[in-house]
Amino acid sequence: AVGLPIDDWRTWDGSYAPFETFRTPARTKTITQNVGGYLAGRFSLAEPLSLVLGTRVSNYKTYTQTYTKADVRTRGAASGDQQVVTPYAGLVWDFAANYSAYVSYTDVFSPQGNVRDANDTLLDPVTGKSYEAGIKGEWADGALNAALAVFRNEQNNVAESTGEVHPVTGFNIYRAVDGVVSKGADLEVSGRLAQGWNVYAGYTWLQVDGLSYQQDPRHLLRLNTSWTLPGALSKLTVGGGLSMQSGTVMSTNPGRPLGGGKYDASNLPMGGYTLVNLMARYDLTDTVQLAVNVNNLTDKLYYTQYGFYDGLIFGEPRTTTFSIRARF
């Protein structure tokens, strides 16, 4: 029931004549099995050029288990039982001593679990195609590595929430969307810049077209570094990290209450945020380490989820952890 006209909730005894309820499928469980195997090989076409070929065979099926009052389990008939072949191919070109470039293609097959439409029917797995190209480099005998990749995914049957609830089962209702395209780029640098100084930097740009909202951030930046002090302080390592992401959009289900049984189910924007972490580690002996980690140093207030009757799930506040690690 929605929008109950209760005069005073503090004195309400819970009774309400028009109150409507429904039985949920609490005694059933939908199980998805995806069992398969894969085979891959790398073939040298010429001295600087290699071909990578592979395939995976997946045996996919979904069924429902029902629990009776006597705790007797009855397995429902399997649905979606099928075998799917997912091929993969790529070319790797070692065009210089420290550099290589590659292109790759693969089919997409990904079951979506217990996701149902308005007819209480399980949605088919996500299918499509994925393309990727990139360049990799290494320096200082492999101590420092960098990689740049661009990608494009074309997918069908992608589940998207309608913001509605099935009146009988109580499950969220989803629709299958075809023609969803996600594209983006990844840049990573990792390794040792100098003796005792290790770094990692990564940036991701992502654009999703075809859905009514993009839940993943368009921009994500990650920076981490650690430094083992020289000389007499060589047992001490200090470091820190920075994580920055742009704003996202969250759907609501069924939406923000407006009164009179009405709801605002429009999508909600969430602002981006930056998190800062610090660490220090001391080698007490060759086998025992002492460490302290501070997460979310600035005690940034942020949300990891927003929606469902304006419910909020807060991100982790500033926390400090002390630990002792021993190896035997």
Protein backbone atom coordinates (compact mmCIF):
# COMPACT_ATOMS: atom_id res chain seq x y z
CA ALA A 1 0.00 0.00 0.00
CA VAL A 2 1.16 3.55 -0.62
CA GLY A 3 0.23 6.92 0.80
CA LEU A 4 -1.63 5.73 3.94
CA PRO A 5 -3.53 8.69 5.49
CA ILE A 6 -2.37 8.17 9.07
CA ASP A 7 -3.27 11.07 11.36
CA ASP A 8 -0.56 10.40 13.94
CA TRP A 9 1.97 7.61 13.44
CA ARG A 10 2.96 7.77 17.12
CA THR A 11 -0.44 6.46 18.23
CA TRP A 12 -1.24 4.26 15.19
CA ASP A 13 -1.87 0.62 16.15
CA GLY A 14 -1.10 -0.69 12.66
CA SER A 15 -4.69 -1.32 11.58
CA TYR A 16 -6.02 0.09 8.33
CA ALA A 17 -9.01 -1.38 6.50
CA PRO A 18 -7.98 -0.78 2.85
CA PHE A 19 -4.44 -1.94 3.53
CA GLU A 20 -3.46 -4.34 0.72
CA THR A 21 -0.65 -6.86 0.96
CA PHE A 22 0.71 -9.57 -1.28
CA ARG A 23 2.74 -12.71 -0.81
CA THR A 24 6.34 -12.40 -1.90
CA PRO A 25 8.32 -15.31 -3.41
CA ALA A 26 10.29 -15.71 -0.20
CA ARG A 27 10.15 -19.50 -0.54
CA THR A 28 11.68 -19.60 -3.99
CA LYS A 29 15.21 -19.04 -5.20
CA THR A 30 16.32 -18.57 -8.78
CA ILE A 31 19.67 -20.18 -9.61
CA THR A 32 21.76 -19.52 -12.69
CA GLN A 33 24.45 -21.99 -13.71
CA ASN A 34 27.10 -21.06 -16.25
CA VAL A 35 29.64 -23.84 -16.72
CA GLY A 36 32.13 -23.89 -19.56
CA GLY A 37 35.65 -24.24 -20.80
CA TYR A 38 37.99 -22.27 -22.99
CA LEU A 39 40.91 -22.81 -25.32
CA ALA A 40 43.44 -20.19 -26.40
CA GLY A 41 46.63 -20.14 -28.40
CA ARG A 42 49.25 -17.69 -29.62
CA PHE A 43 50.78 -18.08 -33.07
CA SER A 44 53.76 -16.26 -34.53
CA LEU A 45 52.89 -14.99 -38.01
CA ALA A 46 56.20 -13.17 -38.48
CA GLU A 47 59.03 -12.04 -36.22
CA PRO A 48 57.20 -8.93 -34.87
CA LEU A 49 53.58 -10.07 -35.38
CA SER A 50 51.54 -12.60 -33.35
CA LEU A 51 48.00 -13.89 -33.65
CA VAL A 52 45.97 -14.79 -30.57
CA LEU A 53 42.92 -17.02 -31.03
CA GLY A 54 40.59 -18.38 -28.42
CA THR A 55 37.06 -19.54 -27.74
CA ARG A 56 34.86 -20.37 -24.77
CA VAL A 57 31.94 -22.80 -24.71
CA SER A 58 29.37 -21.96 -22.03
CA ASN A 59 26.54 -24.20 -20.85
CA TYR A 60 23.98 -21.84 -19.38
CA LYS A 61 20.69 -22.60 -17.64
CA THR A 62 18.40 -21.08 -15.02
CA TYR A 63 16.01 -22.88 -12.67
CA THR A 64 13.98 -22.20 -9.52
CA GLN A 65 14.12 -23.98 -6.18
CA THR A 66 10.95 -23.98 -4.06
CA TYR A 67 10.96 -24.45 -0.29
CA THR A 68 7.80 -25.98 1.26
CA LYS A 69 6.69 -25.81 4.87
CA ALA A 70 8.31 -29.20 5.44
CA ASP A 71 11.55 -27.78 4.01
CA VAL A 72 11.25 -30.09 1.01
CA ARG A 73 12.94 -28.62 -2.02
CA THR A 74 11.38 -29.01 -5.41
CA ARG A 75 13.45 -28.08 -8.43
CA GLY A 76 11.53 -26.34 -11.17
CA ALA A 77 12.00 -27.03 -14.84
CA ALA A 78 15.16 -25.56 -16.32
CA SER A 79 14.79 -22.55 -18.61
CA GLY A 80 17.27 -20.86 -20.84
CA ASP A 81 19.29 -24.07 -21.11
CA GLN A 82 21.67 -23.49 -23.99
CA GLN A 83 25.25 -23.83 -25.16
CA VAL A 84 26.97 -20.70 -26.41
CA VAL A 85 30.30 -20.39 -28.25
CA THR A 86 32.17 -17.13 -27.56
CA PRO A 87 35.15 -16.56 -29.91
CA TYR A 88 38.10 -14.25 -29.35
CA ALA A 89 40.81 -12.99 -31.71
CA GLY A 90 43.66 -10.52 -31.43
CA LEU A 91 46.83 -9.29 -33.12
CA VAL A 92 49.96 -8.19 -31.24
CA TRP A 93 52.66 -6.20 -33.03
CA ASP A 94 56.06 -5.73 -31.31
CA PHE A 95 57.02 -2.76 -33.42
CA ALA A 96 59.97 -1.61 -31.24
CA ALA A 97 62.22 -2.96 -28.53
CA ASN A 98 60.12 -1.52 -25.70
CA TYR A 99 56.73 -1.11 -27.36
CA SER A 100 53.90 -3.27 -28.63
CA ALA A 101 50.48 -2.54 -30.10
CA TYR A 102 47.42 -4.76 -30.23
CA VAL A 103 43.85 -5.01 -31.50
CA SER A 104 41.26 -7.53 -30.32
CA TYR A 105 37.69 -8.64 -30.84
CA THR A 106 35.41 -10.86 -28.78
CA ASP A 107 31.77 -11.84 -28.63
CA VAL A 108 29.86 -10.98 -25.45
CA PHE A 109 27.68 -13.42 -23.50
CA SER A 110 26.78 -12.56 -19.90
CA PRO A 111 23.81 -14.00 -17.90
CA GLN A 112 22.02 -11.35 -15.82
CA GLY A 113 20.81 -13.46 -12.92
CA ASN A 114 17.37 -12.99 -11.36
CA VAL A 115 16.30 -9.99 -13.45
CA ARG A 116 12.67 -10.07 -14.60
CA ASP A 117 10.34 -8.09 -16.86
CA ALA A 118 6.70 -7.02 -16.35
CA ASN A 119 5.54 -10.56 -17.22
CA ASP A 120 7.76 -12.02 -14.47
CA THR A 121 9.97 -13.56 -17.17
CA LEU A 122 13.73 -13.76 -16.76
CA LEU A 123 15.62 -11.51 -19.14
CA ASP A 124 17.91 -13.19 -21.65
CA PRO A 125 21.69 -12.89 -21.19
CA VAL A 126 23.50 -9.84 -22.50
CA THR A 127 24.96 -10.47 -25.95
CA GLY A 128 27.03 -8.35 -28.27
CA LYS A 129 30.51 -7.53 -29.51
CA SER A 130 33.57 -5.92 -27.94
CA TYR A 131 36.49 -4.20 -29.67
CA GLU A 132 39.76 -2.99 -28.12
CA ALA A 133 43.02 -1.49 -29.33
CA GLY A 134 46.01 -0.27 -27.41
CA ILE A 135 49.72 0.28 -27.03
CA LYS A 136 52.04 -0.84 -24.24
CA GLY A 137 55.55 0.22 -23.31
CA GLU A 138 58.18 -0.69 -20.72
CA TRP A 139 61.38 0.97 -19.58
CA ALA A 140 64.23 0.33 -17.13
CA ASP A 141 64.27 -3.42 -17.88
CA GLY A 142 60.55 -3.70 -17.18
CA ALA A 143 60.61 -1.76 -13.90
CA LEU A 144 58.28 0.91 -15.33
CA ASN A 145 55.29 0.06 -17.52
CA ALA A 146 52.61 2.09 -19.28
CA ALA A 147 49.54 1.15 -21.32
CA LEU A 148 46.91 3.05 -23.27
CA ALA A 149 43.75 1.31 -24.49
CA VAL A 150 40.55 2.35 -26.24
CA PHE A 151 37.47 0.16 -26.33
CA ARG A 152 33.94 -0.09 -27.68
CA ASN A 153 31.22 -2.50 -26.55
CA GLU A 154 27.96 -3.07 -28.43
CA GLN A 155 25.39 -4.92 -26.34
CA ASN A 156 21.79 -6.15 -26.56
CA ASN A 157 19.34 -7.31 -23.85
CA VAL A 158 20.86 -4.96 -21.27
CA ALA A 159 18.65 -4.80 -18.17
CA GLU A 160 17.39 -1.35 -17.19
CA SER A 161 15.10 -0.67 -14.23
CA THR A 162 11.64 0.70 -15.04
CA GLY A 163 11.21 2.10 -11.53
CA GLU A 164 8.18 -0.15 -11.00
CA VAL A 165 7.47 -3.17 -8.80
CA HIS A 166 5.59 -6.30 -9.89
CA PRO A 167 2.21 -6.29 -8.08
CA VAL A 168 2.31 -10.03 -7.34
CA THR A 169 5.94 -10.98 -6.75
CA GLY A 170 7.24 -7.67 -5.38
CA PHE A 171 10.31 -7.88 -7.65
CA ASN A 172 11.66 -4.84 -9.40
CA ILE A 173 10.59 -4.72 -13.05
CA TYR A 174 13.30 -4.39 -15.70
CA ARG A 175 13.20 -4.00 -19.46
CA ALA A 176 15.69 -5.31 -22.00
CA VAL A 177 17.40 -2.57 -24.03
CA ASP A 178 19.08 -3.26 -27.36
CA GLY A 179 21.73 -1.14 -29.01
CA VAL A 180 23.57 -0.09 -25.84
CA VAL A 181 27.04 1.23 -26.73
CA SER A 182 29.78 1.85 -24.16
CA LYS A 183 33.06 3.35 -25.27
CA GLY A 184 36.04 4.75 -23.49
CA ALA A 185 39.75 4.77 -22.83
CA ASP A 186 42.13 3.54 -20.12
CA LEU A 187 45.58 4.93 -19.32
CA GLU A 188 47.83 3.24 -16.74
CA VAL A 189 51.40 3.84 -15.55
CA SER A 190 52.94 1.60 -12.89
CA GLY A 191 56.31 0.55 -11.60
CA ARG A 192 59.45 1.96 -10.00
CA LEU A 193 60.50 5.52 -10.81
CA ALA A 194 63.61 5.38 -8.62
CA GLN A 195 65.16 3.16 -6.00
CA GLY A 196 62.49 2.56 -3.35
CA TRP A 197 59.88 4.75 -5.09
CA ASN A 198 56.90 2.92 -6.62
CA VAL A 199 53.97 4.62 -8.33
CA TYR A 200 50.65 3.77 -9.95
CA ALA A 201 48.49 6.17 -11.95
CA GLY A 202 45.34 5.30 -13.83
CA TYR A 203 42.69 7.26 -15.67
CA THR A 204 39.45 5.94 -17.21
CA TRP A 205 36.95 7.72 -19.43
CA LEU A 206 33.62 6.00 -20.07
CA GLN A 207 30.61 7.00 -22.17
CA VAL A 208 27.43 4.88 -22.24
CA ASP A 209 24.76 5.52 -24.89
CA GLY A 210 21.40 3.84 -25.25
CA LEU A 211 20.24 3.81 -21.60
CA SER A 212 18.16 6.48 -19.85
CA TYR A 213 21.01 7.16 -17.41
CA GLN A 214 24.69 6.33 -16.89
CA GLN A 215 25.30 4.94 -13.42
CA ASP A 216 29.08 4.61 -13.76
CA PRO A 217 31.23 7.77 -13.57
CA ARG A 218 32.48 9.21 -16.85
CA HIS A 219 35.85 10.13 -15.36
CA LEU A 220 37.85 8.14 -12.82
CA LEU A 221 41.38 9.00 -11.69
CA ARG A 222 43.52 6.89 -9.33
CA LEU A 223 46.97 7.80 -7.98
CA ASN A 224 49.05 5.75 -5.55
CA THR A 225 52.66 5.95 -4.45
CA SER A 226 54.93 4.42 -1.83
CA TRP A 227 58.50 5.30 -0.80
CA THR A 228 60.91 3.16 1.19
CA LEU A 229 63.24 5.53 3.00
CA PRO A 230 66.98 5.19 2.40
CA GLY A 231 69.83 4.49 4.80
CA ALA A 232 69.11 3.95 8.46
CA LEU A 233 65.36 4.38 7.85
CA SER A 234 65.17 1.66 5.19
CA LYS A 235 62.78 -0.39 7.31
CA LEU A 236 60.12 2.33 7.00
CA THR A 237 57.81 2.71 3.98
CA VAL A 238 55.33 5.55 3.63
CA GLY A 239 52.78 6.26 0.95
CA GLY A 240 49.40 7.50 -0.02
CA GLY A 241 46.70 7.43 -2.62
CA LEU A 242 44.15 9.65 -4.31
CA SER A 243 40.89 8.59 -5.95
CA MET A 244 38.75 11.06 -7.88
CA GLN A 245 35.52 10.38 -9.77
CA SER A 246 33.02 12.56 -11.58
CA GLY A 247 29.31 12.68 -10.83
CA THR A 248 26.94 9.80 -11.53
CA VAL A 249 23.19 9.30 -11.95
CA MET A 250 21.05 6.95 -9.87
CA SER A 251 17.58 5.66 -10.63
CA THR A 252 14.89 5.66 -7.92
CA ASN A 253 12.49 2.85 -7.13
CA PRO A 254 9.64 3.65 -6.89
CA GLY A 255 10.71 7.28 -6.37
CA ARG A 256 10.44 10.15 -3.94
CA PRO A 257 7.07 10.28 -2.09
CA LEU A 258 5.01 13.33 -3.08
CA GLY A 259 1.88 12.50 -1.09
CA GLY A 260 -1.47 11.34 -2.31
CA GLY A 261 0.03 8.06 -3.49
CA LYS A 262 2.22 9.83 -6.06
CA TYR A 263 5.97 9.50 -6.53
CA ASP A 264 8.69 11.33 -8.42
CA ALA A 265 10.65 8.56 -10.14
CA SER A 266 12.99 10.82 -12.11
CA ASN A 267 16.69 9.98 -12.01
CA LEU A 268 18.85 11.60 -9.33
CA PRO A 269 22.25 13.18 -10.05
CA MET A 270 25.06 12.53 -7.55
CA GLY A 271 28.10 14.76 -7.35
CA GLY A 272 31.65 13.54 -7.77
CA TYR A 273 34.09 13.21 -4.90
CA THR A 274 37.76 12.81 -4.02
CA LEU A 275 39.15 10.40 -1.42
CA VAL A 276 42.62 10.55 0.13
CA ASN A 277 44.37 7.61 1.83
CA LEU A 278 47.68 7.39 3.72
CA MET A 279 49.80 4.46 4.90
CA ALA A 280 53.00 3.67 6.78
CA ARG A 281 54.71 0.29 7.23
CA TYR A 282 57.68 -0.66 9.41
CA ASP A 283 59.63 -3.93 9.13
CA LEU A 284 60.09 -4.85 12.76
CA THR A 285 61.97 -7.99 11.75
CA ASP A 286 62.46 -9.93 8.52
CA THR A 287 59.12 -11.66 9.13
CA VAL A 288 57.07 -9.16 11.18
CA GLN A 289 55.60 -5.90 9.87
CA LEU A 290 53.75 -3.11 11.65
CA ALA A 291 51.38 -0.97 9.56
CA VAL A 292 48.93 1.90 9.91
CA ASN A 293 46.40 2.87 7.23
CA VAL A 294 44.19 5.94 7.17
CA ASN A 295 41.31 5.80 4.69
CA ASN A 296 39.30 8.88 3.68
CA LEU A 297 41.73 11.21 5.41
CA THR A 298 39.55 14.31 4.91
CA ASP A 299 36.46 12.50 6.24
CA LYS A 300 34.66 13.23 2.98
CA LEU A 301 30.88 12.72 3.09
CA TYR A 302 29.79 10.77 0.02
CA TYR A 303 27.26 8.14 -1.03
CA THR A 304 27.82 4.79 -2.68
CA GLN A 305 24.11 4.39 -3.48
CA TYR A 306 21.14 6.72 -3.66
CA GLY A 307 17.57 5.71 -4.37
CA PHE A 308 14.73 3.45 -3.19
CA TYR A 309 12.45 5.86 -1.35
CA ASP A 310 15.30 8.38 -1.13
CA GLY A 311 17.40 5.87 0.82
CA LEU A 312 21.09 6.64 1.17
CA ILE A 313 24.08 4.38 1.71
CA PHE A 314 26.98 6.42 3.01
CA GLY A 315 30.55 5.78 1.96
CA GLU A 316 33.09 4.79 4.59
CA PRO A 317 34.08 7.73 6.85
CA ARG A 318 37.64 8.37 7.97
CA THR A 319 39.02 5.18 9.49
CA THR A 320 42.41 4.33 10.97
CA THR A 321 43.63 0.74 11.07
CA PHE A 322 46.67 -0.63 12.89
CA SER A 323 47.87 -4.11 11.95
CA ILE A 324 50.66 -6.60 12.66
CA ARG A 325 51.59 -9.11 9.96
CA ALA A 326 53.86 -12.10 10.53
CA ARG A 327 55.20 -14.59 7.99
CA PHE A 328 56.28 -18.10 8.95
